[in-house]
C-alpha atoms as a PDB file:
ATOM      1  CA  UNK A   1      -0.237   1.154 -56.741  1.00  0.00           C
ATOM      2  CA  UNK A   2       1.147  -1.678 -55.310  1.00  0.00           C
ATOM      3  CA  UNK A   3       0.813  -5.513 -55.848  1.00  0.00           C
ATOM      4  CA  UNK A   4      -2.147  -5.688 -53.629  1.00  0.00           C
ATOM      5  CA  UNK A   5      -3.905  -2.703 -54.298  1.00  0.00           C
ATOM      6  CA  UNK A   6      -4.109   0.088 -52.036  1.00  0.00           C
ATOM      7  CA  UNK A   7      -4.190  -1.727 -48.381  1.00  0.00           C
ATOM      8  CA  UNK A   8      -3.836  -0.063 -45.326  1.00  0.00           C
ATOM      9  CA  UNK A   9      -1.576  -2.596 -43.222  1.00  0.00           C
ATOM     10  CA  UNK A  10      -1.848  -1.184 -40.015  1.00  0.00           C
ATOM     11  CA  UNK A  11      -5.663  -1.153 -39.974  1.00  0.00           C
ATOM     12  CA  UNK A  12      -5.645  -4.723 -41.174  1.00  0.00           C
ATOM     13  CA  UNK A  13      -3.362  -5.624 -38.333  1.00  0.00           C
ATOM     14  CA  UNK A  14      -5.458  -4.069 -35.864  1.00  0.00           C
ATOM     15  CA  UNK A  15      -8.922  -4.889 -36.998  1.00  0.00           C
ATOM     16  CA  UNK A  16      -8.060  -8.652 -37.711  1.00  0.00           C
ATOM     17  CA  UNK A  17      -5.998  -8.761 -34.353  1.00  0.00           C
ATOM     18  CA  UNK A  18      -9.332  -7.157 -32.457  1.00  0.00           C
ATOM     19  CA  UNK A  19     -11.578  -9.756 -34.237  1.00  0.00           C
ATOM     20  CA  UNK A  20      -9.704 -12.913 -33.227  1.00  0.00           C
ATOM     21  CA  UNK A  21      -9.659 -11.692 -29.603  1.00  0.00           C
ATOM     22  CA  UNK A  22     -13.347 -11.503 -30.044  1.00  0.00           C
ATOM     23  CA  UNK A  23     -13.527 -14.727 -31.225  1.00  0.00           C
ATOM     24  CA  UNK A  24     -11.269 -15.866 -28.157  1.00  0.00           C
ATOM     25  CA  UNK A  25     -13.204 -14.196 -25.798  1.00  0.00           C
ATOM     26  CA  UNK A  26     -16.569 -15.440 -26.820  1.00  0.00           C
ATOM     27  CA  UNK A  27     -15.360 -19.179 -27.024  1.00  0.00           C
ATOM     28  CA  UNK A  28     -14.023 -18.886 -23.576  1.00  0.00           C
ATOM     29  CA  UNK A  29     -17.058 -16.873 -22.126  1.00  0.00           C
ATOM     30  CA  UNK A  30     -19.054 -19.415 -23.581  1.00  0.00           C
ATOM     31  CA  UNK A  31     -17.558 -22.429 -22.238  1.00  0.00           C
ATOM     32  CA  UNK A  32     -17.223 -20.525 -18.774  1.00  0.00           C
ATOM     33  CA  UNK A  33     -21.173 -19.604 -18.602  1.00  0.00           C
ATOM     34  CA  UNK A  34     -22.505 -22.773 -20.013  1.00  0.00           C
ATOM     35  CA  UNK A  35     -20.431 -25.020 -17.687  1.00  0.00           C
ATOM     36  CA  UNK A  36     -21.173 -28.911 -18.543  1.00  0.00           C
ATOM     37  CA  UNK A  37     -24.845 -28.265 -20.050  1.00  0.00           C
ATOM     38  CA  UNK A  38     -23.613 -27.928 -23.503  1.00  0.00           C
ATOM     39  CA  UNK A  39     -24.134 -30.309 -26.120  1.00  0.00           C
ATOM     40  CA  UNK A  40     -21.198 -31.752 -27.948  1.00  0.00           C
ATOM     41  CA  UNK A  41     -21.078 -29.963 -30.838  1.00  0.00           C
ATOM     42  CA  UNK A  42     -21.824 -26.592 -29.239  1.00  0.00           C
ATOM     43  CA  UNK A  43     -18.926 -27.786 -26.884  1.00  0.00           C
ATOM     44  CA  UNK A  44     -16.685 -28.260 -29.976  1.00  0.00           C
ATOM     45  CA  UNK A  45     -17.681 -25.373 -31.500  1.00  0.00           C
ATOM     46  CA  UNK A  46     -16.550 -23.147 -28.679  1.00  0.00           C
ATOM     47  CA  UNK A  47     -13.460 -24.783 -28.318  1.00  0.00           C
ATOM     48  CA  UNK A  48     -12.364 -24.100 -31.939  1.00  0.00           C
ATOM     49  CA  UNK A  49     -13.360 -20.383 -31.653  1.00  0.00           C
ATOM     50  CA  UNK A  50     -10.720 -20.151 -29.028  1.00  0.00           C
ATOM     51  CA  UNK A  51      -8.250 -21.977 -30.547  1.00  0.00           C
ATOM     52  CA  UNK A  52      -8.705 -20.191 -34.015  1.00  0.00           C
ATOM     53  CA  UNK A  53      -8.773 -16.964 -32.065  1.00  0.00           C
ATOM     54  CA  UNK A  54      -5.496 -17.570 -30.319  1.00  0.00           C
ATOM     55  CA  UNK A  55      -4.021 -18.743 -33.777  1.00  0.00           C
ATOM     56  CA  UNK A  56      -5.266 -15.625 -35.458  1.00  0.00           C
ATOM     57  CA  UNK A  57      -3.934 -13.278 -32.319  1.00  0.00           C
ATOM     58  CA  UNK A  58      -0.436 -15.264 -33.265  1.00  0.00           C
ATOM     59  CA  UNK A  59      -0.769 -15.130 -37.221  1.00  0.00           C
ATOM     60  CA  UNK A  60      -2.386 -11.734 -38.148  1.00  0.00           C
ATOM     61  CA  UNK A  61       0.282  -9.385 -37.073  1.00  0.00           C
ATOM     62  CA  UNK A  62       3.041 -11.308 -38.833  1.00  0.00           C
ATOM     63  CA  UNK A  63       0.698 -11.678 -42.039  1.00  0.00           C
ATOM     64  CA  UNK A  64      -0.496  -8.185 -42.271  1.00  0.00           C
ATOM     65  CA  UNK A  65       2.064  -6.473 -40.653  1.00  0.00           C
ATOM     66  CA  UNK A  66       4.980  -7.985 -41.810  1.00  0.00           C
ATOM     67  CA  UNK A  67       5.059 -10.276 -44.447  1.00  0.00           C
ATOM     68  CA  UNK A  68       2.342  -8.487 -47.034  1.00  0.00           C
ATOM     69  CA  UNK A  69       4.049  -5.117 -46.876  1.00  0.00           C
ATOM     70  CA  UNK A  70       7.632  -6.849 -47.634  1.00  0.00           C
ATOM     71  CA  UNK A  71       6.133  -8.267 -50.469  1.00  0.00           C
ATOM     72  CA  UNK A  72       4.856  -5.193 -51.796  1.00  0.00           C
END
């Protein structure tokens, strides 16, 4: 048994990247479909979802695909 238990790293990479992509799409579509009719807090929430989605798409493969398997 490894340091972090029995983790399936390839599955973690795929699922976290897809979840990040879904977060990005929800944020982007929400901003596009709503136009300018959103209150400030909703606009900020959808924009933050976009930014976190992009960060997740970039960071998750490195963390779950490279860093954690190397520390095993």
